[in-house]
Structures are given as structure tokens and as C-alpha cells.
Amino acid sequence: MKKNDYGIGEVTHLTGVTVKQLRYWEDKEFIPEPARIVCGERAYRR
């Protein structure tokens, strides 16, 4: 991941939002779908 990229665990820790809630928001398109790194993990950006 790049310097400004965050994994889903880091995002949940920093924001207090659960993984389930983030994925729900992505599914409903309330937030943009994050980029995916080579192994398929989500990479959230600032």
C-alpha cells in the first residue's frame, strides 16, 4: 500500500465505524468503493 492508503482495519480503528458498516455504505454507494491492491484488499485513501 502507498503512504496515504489505509487498510479497512486501520479505517475502523481511526473512525470508530465497524467493518460491516463500511461495507454496507460501499454496497449502497454512500461512499466510493475503495481501490483494491494486488491481493484484493481494500485500500482507503485520505
PDB file of N, CA and C in Angstrom:
ATOM      1  N   MET A   1       0.832  -1.182   0.000  1.00  0.00           N
ATOM      2  CA  MET A   1       0.000   0.000   0.000  1.00  0.00           C
ATOM      3  C   MET A   1       0.878   1.248   0.000  1.00  0.00           C
ATOM      4  N   LYS A   2       0.314   2.317  -0.531  1.00  0.00           N
ATOM      5  CA  LYS A   2       1.022   3.591  -0.551  1.00  0.00           C
ATOM      6  C   LYS A   2       0.921   4.267   0.811  1.00  0.00           C
ATOM      7  N   LYS A   3       1.704   5.314   0.980  1.00  0.00           N
ATOM      8  CA  LYS A   3       1.772   6.024   2.257  1.00  0.00           C
ATOM      9  C   LYS A   3       0.409   6.551   2.720  1.00  0.00           C
ATOM     10  N   ASN A   4      -0.405   7.040   1.786  1.00  0.00           N
ATOM     11  CA  ASN A   4      -1.711   7.610   2.143  1.00  0.00           C
ATOM     12  C   ASN A   4      -2.849   6.603   2.070  1.00  0.00           C
ATOM     13  N   ASP A   5      -2.528   5.328   1.910  1.00  0.00           N
ATOM     14  CA  ASP A   5      -3.543   4.274   1.866  1.00  0.00           C
ATOM     15  C   ASP A   5      -3.710   3.656   3.246  1.00  0.00           C
ATOM     16  N   TYR A   6      -4.936   3.256   3.547  1.00  0.00           N
ATOM     17  CA  TYR A   6      -5.246   2.629   4.822  1.00  0.00           C
ATOM     18  C   TYR A   6      -6.017   1.344   4.573  1.00  0.00           C
ATOM     19  N   GLY A   7      -5.719   0.330   5.337  1.00  0.00           N
ATOM     20  CA  GLY A   7      -6.491  -0.902   5.280  1.00  0.00           C
ATOM     21  C   GLY A   7      -7.799  -0.716   6.016  1.00  0.00           C
ATOM     22  N   ILE A   8      -8.721  -1.628   5.807  1.00  0.00           N
ATOM     23  CA  ILE A   8     -10.045  -1.497   6.422  1.00  0.00           C
ATOM     24  C   ILE A   8      -9.955  -1.510   7.951  1.00  0.00           C
ATOM     25  N   GLY A   9      -9.018  -2.284   8.500  1.00  0.00           N
ATOM     26  CA  GLY A   9      -8.837  -2.319   9.948  1.00  0.00           C
ATOM     27  C   GLY A   9      -8.365  -0.992  10.502  1.00  0.00           C
ATOM     28  N   GLU A  10      -7.457  -0.346   9.778  1.00  0.00           N
ATOM     29  CA  GLU A  10      -6.969   0.969  10.204  1.00  0.00           C
ATOM     30  C   GLU A  10      -8.090   2.003  10.155  1.00  0.00           C
ATOM     31  N   VAL A  11      -8.899   1.942   9.107  1.00  0.00           N
ATOM     32  CA  VAL A  11     -10.010   2.891   8.970  1.00  0.00           C
ATOM     33  C   VAL A  11     -11.004   2.721  10.114  1.00  0.00           C
ATOM     34  N   THR A  12     -11.329   1.478  10.439  1.00  0.00           N
ATOM     35  CA  THR A  12     -12.280   1.256  11.529  1.00  0.00           C
ATOM     36  C   THR A  12     -11.711   1.734  12.861  1.00  0.00           C
ATOM     37  N   HIS A  13     -10.428   1.531  13.061  1.00  0.00           N
ATOM     38  CA  HIS A  13      -9.788   1.975  14.303  1.00  0.00           C
ATOM     39  C   HIS A  13      -9.777   3.504  14.395  1.00  0.00           C
ATOM     40  N   LEU A  14      -9.455   4.168  13.295  1.00  0.00           N
ATOM     41  CA  LEU A  14      -9.365   5.626  13.288  1.00  0.00           C
ATOM     42  C   LEU A  14     -10.732   6.305  13.390  1.00  0.00           C
ATOM     43  N   THR A  15     -11.759   5.680  12.820  1.00  0.00           N
ATOM     44  CA  THR A  15     -13.070   6.330  12.746  1.00  0.00           C
ATOM     45  C   THR A  15     -14.095   5.825  13.753  1.00  0.00           C
ATOM     46  N   GLY A  16     -13.894   4.611  14.258  1.00  0.00           N
ATOM     47  CA  GLY A  16     -14.879   4.024  15.153  1.00  0.00           C
ATOM     48  C   GLY A  16     -16.057   3.396  14.421  1.00  0.00           C
ATOM     49  N   VAL A  17     -15.988   3.352  13.097  1.00  0.00           N
ATOM     50  CA  VAL A  17     -17.025   2.735  12.271  1.00  0.00           C
ATOM     51  C   VAL A  17     -16.670   1.264  12.098  1.00  0.00           C
ATOM     52  N   THR A  18     -17.659   0.391  12.145  1.00  0.00           N
ATOM     53  CA  THR A  18     -17.379  -1.039  12.016  1.00  0.00           C
ATOM     54  C   THR A  18     -17.107  -1.428  10.560  1.00  0.00           C
ATOM     55  N   VAL A  19     -16.440  -2.567  10.393  1.00  0.00           N
ATOM     56  CA  VAL A  19     -16.182  -3.110   9.056  1.00  0.00           C
ATOM     57  C   VAL A  19     -17.511  -3.346   8.342  1.00  0.00           C
ATOM     58  N   LYS A  20     -18.458  -3.909   9.068  1.00  0.00           N
ATOM     59  CA  LYS A  20     -19.778  -4.189   8.493  1.00  0.00           C
ATOM     60  C   LYS A  20     -20.432  -2.909   7.980  1.00  0.00           C
ATOM     61  N   GLN A  21     -20.334  -1.835   8.758  1.00  0.00           N
ATOM     62  CA  GLN A  21     -20.937  -0.562   8.358  1.00  0.00           C
ATOM     63  C   GLN A  21     -20.247   0.011   7.130  1.00  0.00           C
ATOM     64  N   LEU A  22     -18.915  -0.039   7.074  1.00  0.00           N
ATOM     65  CA  LEU A  22     -18.186   0.453   5.898  1.00  0.00           C
ATOM     66  C   LEU A  22     -18.597  -0.303   4.641  1.00  0.00           C
ATOM     67  N   ARG A  23     -18.662  -1.611   4.744  1.00  0.00           N
ATOM     68  CA  ARG A  23     -19.031  -2.425   3.580  1.00  0.00           C
ATOM     69  C   ARG A  23     -20.474  -2.166   3.149  1.00  0.00           C
ATOM     70  N   TYR A  24     -21.342  -1.927   4.114  1.00  0.00           N
ATOM     71  CA  TYR A  24     -22.734  -1.579   3.799  1.00  0.00           C
ATOM     72  C   TYR A  24     -22.780  -0.259   3.034  1.00  0.00           C
ATOM     73  N   TRP A  25     -22.069   0.745   3.519  1.00  0.00           N
ATOM     74  CA  TRP A  25     -22.034   2.047   2.851  1.00  0.00           C
ATOM     75  C   TRP A  25     -21.489   1.924   1.435  1.00  0.00           C
ATOM     76  N   GLU A  26     -20.452   1.087   1.249  1.00  0.00           N
ATOM     77  CA  GLU A  26     -19.910   0.861  -0.093  1.00  0.00           C
ATOM     78  C   GLU A  26     -20.967   0.219  -0.986  1.00  0.00           C
ATOM     79  N   ASP A  27     -21.651  -0.788  -0.463  1.00  0.00           N
ATOM     80  CA  ASP A  27     -22.667  -1.511  -1.223  1.00  0.00           C
ATOM     81  C   ASP A  27     -23.802  -0.589  -1.654  1.00  0.00           C
ATOM     82  N   LYS A  28     -24.202   0.319  -0.778  1.00  0.00           N
ATOM     83  CA  LYS A  28     -25.295   1.261  -1.071  1.00  0.00           C
ATOM     84  C   LYS A  28     -24.797   2.508  -1.794  1.00  0.00           C
ATOM     85  N   GLU A  29     -23.494   2.571  -2.066  1.00  0.00           N
ATOM     86  CA  GLU A  29     -22.846   3.685  -2.766  1.00  0.00           C
ATOM     87  C   GLU A  29     -22.964   5.010  -2.027  1.00  0.00           C
ATOM     88  N   PHE A  30     -22.994   4.938  -0.675  1.00  0.00           N
ATOM     89  CA  PHE A  30     -22.952   6.153   0.136  1.00  0.00           C
ATOM     90  C   PHE A  30     -21.530   6.707   0.174  1.00  0.00           C
ATOM     91  N   ILE A  31     -20.562   5.818   0.028  1.00  0.00           N
ATOM     92  CA  ILE A  31     -19.156   6.209  -0.070  1.00  0.00           C
ATOM     93  C   ILE A  31     -18.584   5.512  -1.301  1.00  0.00           C
ATOM     94  N   PRO A  32     -17.554   6.104  -1.924  1.00  0.00           N
ATOM     95  CA  PRO A  32     -16.979   5.460  -3.109  1.00  0.00           C
ATOM     96  C   PRO A  32     -16.295   4.145  -2.756  1.00  0.00           C
ATOM     97  N   GLU A  33     -16.365   3.198  -3.668  1.00  0.00           N
ATOM     98  CA  GLU A  33     -15.689   1.925  -3.457  1.00  0.00           C
ATOM     99  C   GLU A  33     -14.185   2.175  -3.457  1.00  0.00           C
ATOM    100  N   PRO A  34     -13.476   1.662  -2.464  1.00  0.00           N
ATOM    101  CA  PRO A  34     -12.040   1.905  -2.391  1.00  0.00           C
ATOM    102  C   PRO A  34     -11.279   1.141  -3.470  1.00  0.00           C
ATOM    103  N   ALA A  35     -10.074   1.609  -3.740  1.00  0.00           N
ATOM    104  CA  ALA A  35      -9.194   0.903  -4.671  1.00  0.00           C
ATOM    105  C   ALA A  35      -8.848  -0.454  -4.076  1.00  0.00           C
ATOM    106  N   ARG A  36      -8.444  -1.359  -4.919  1.00  0.00           N
ATOM    107  CA  ARG A  36      -8.023  -2.686  -4.456  1.00  0.00           C
ATOM    108  C   ARG A  36      -6.538  -2.842  -4.748  1.00  0.00           C
ATOM    109  N   ILE A  37      -5.816  -3.399  -3.773  1.00  0.00           N
ATOM    110  CA  ILE A  37      -4.407  -3.678  -4.001  1.00  0.00           C
ATOM    111  C   ILE A  37      -4.291  -5.073  -4.599  1.00  0.00           C
ATOM    112  N   VAL A  38      -3.110  -5.470  -4.956  1.00  0.00           N
ATOM    113  CA  VAL A  38      -2.869  -6.708  -5.697  1.00  0.00           C
ATOM    114  C   VAL A  38      -3.584  -7.919  -5.116  1.00  0.00           C
ATOM    115  N   CYS A  39      -3.564  -8.087  -3.818  1.00  0.00           N
ATOM    116  CA  CYS A  39      -4.169  -9.276  -3.206  1.00  0.00           C
ATOM    117  C   CYS A  39      -5.683  -9.145  -3.028  1.00  0.00           C
ATOM    118  N   GLY A  40      -6.276  -8.053  -3.498  1.00  0.00           N
ATOM    119  CA  GLY A  40      -7.724  -7.878  -3.421  1.00  0.00           C
ATOM    120  C   GLY A  40      -8.215  -7.120  -2.206  1.00  0.00           C
ATOM    121  N   GLU A  41      -7.311  -6.742  -1.310  1.00  0.00           N
ATOM    122  CA  GLU A  41      -7.715  -5.989  -0.123  1.00  0.00           C
ATOM    123  C   GLU A  41      -8.098  -4.567  -0.505  1.00  0.00           C
ATOM    124  N   ARG A  42      -8.986  -3.999   0.287  1.00  0.00           N
ATOM    125  CA  ARG A  42      -9.390  -2.615   0.074  1.00  0.00           C
ATOM    126  C   ARG A  42      -8.266  -1.683   0.520  1.00  0.00           C
ATOM    127  N   ALA A  43      -8.085  -0.594  -0.214  1.00  0.00           N
ATOM    128  CA  ALA A  43      -7.091   0.417   0.143  1.00  0.00           C
ATOM    129  C   ALA A  43      -7.798   1.767   0.172  1.00  0.00           C
ATOM    130  N   TYR A  44      -8.131   2.226   1.360  1.00  0.00           N
ATOM    131  CA  TYR A  44      -8.809   3.508   1.521  1.00  0.00           C
ATOM    132  C   TYR A  44      -7.774   4.621   1.465  1.00  0.00           C
ATOM    133  N   ARG A  45      -8.186   5.751   0.898  1.00  0.00           N
ATOM    134  CA  ARG A  45      -7.282   6.891   0.761  1.00  0.00           C
ATOM    135  C   ARG A  45      -7.834   8.083   1.508  1.00  0.00           C
ATOM    136  N   ARG A  46      -6.925   8.957   1.873  1.00  0.00           N
ATOM    137  CA  ARG A  46      -7.312  10.200   2.550  1.00  0.00           C
ATOM    138  C   ARG A  46      -8.155  11.050   1.665  1.00  0.00           C
TER     139      ARG A  46
END
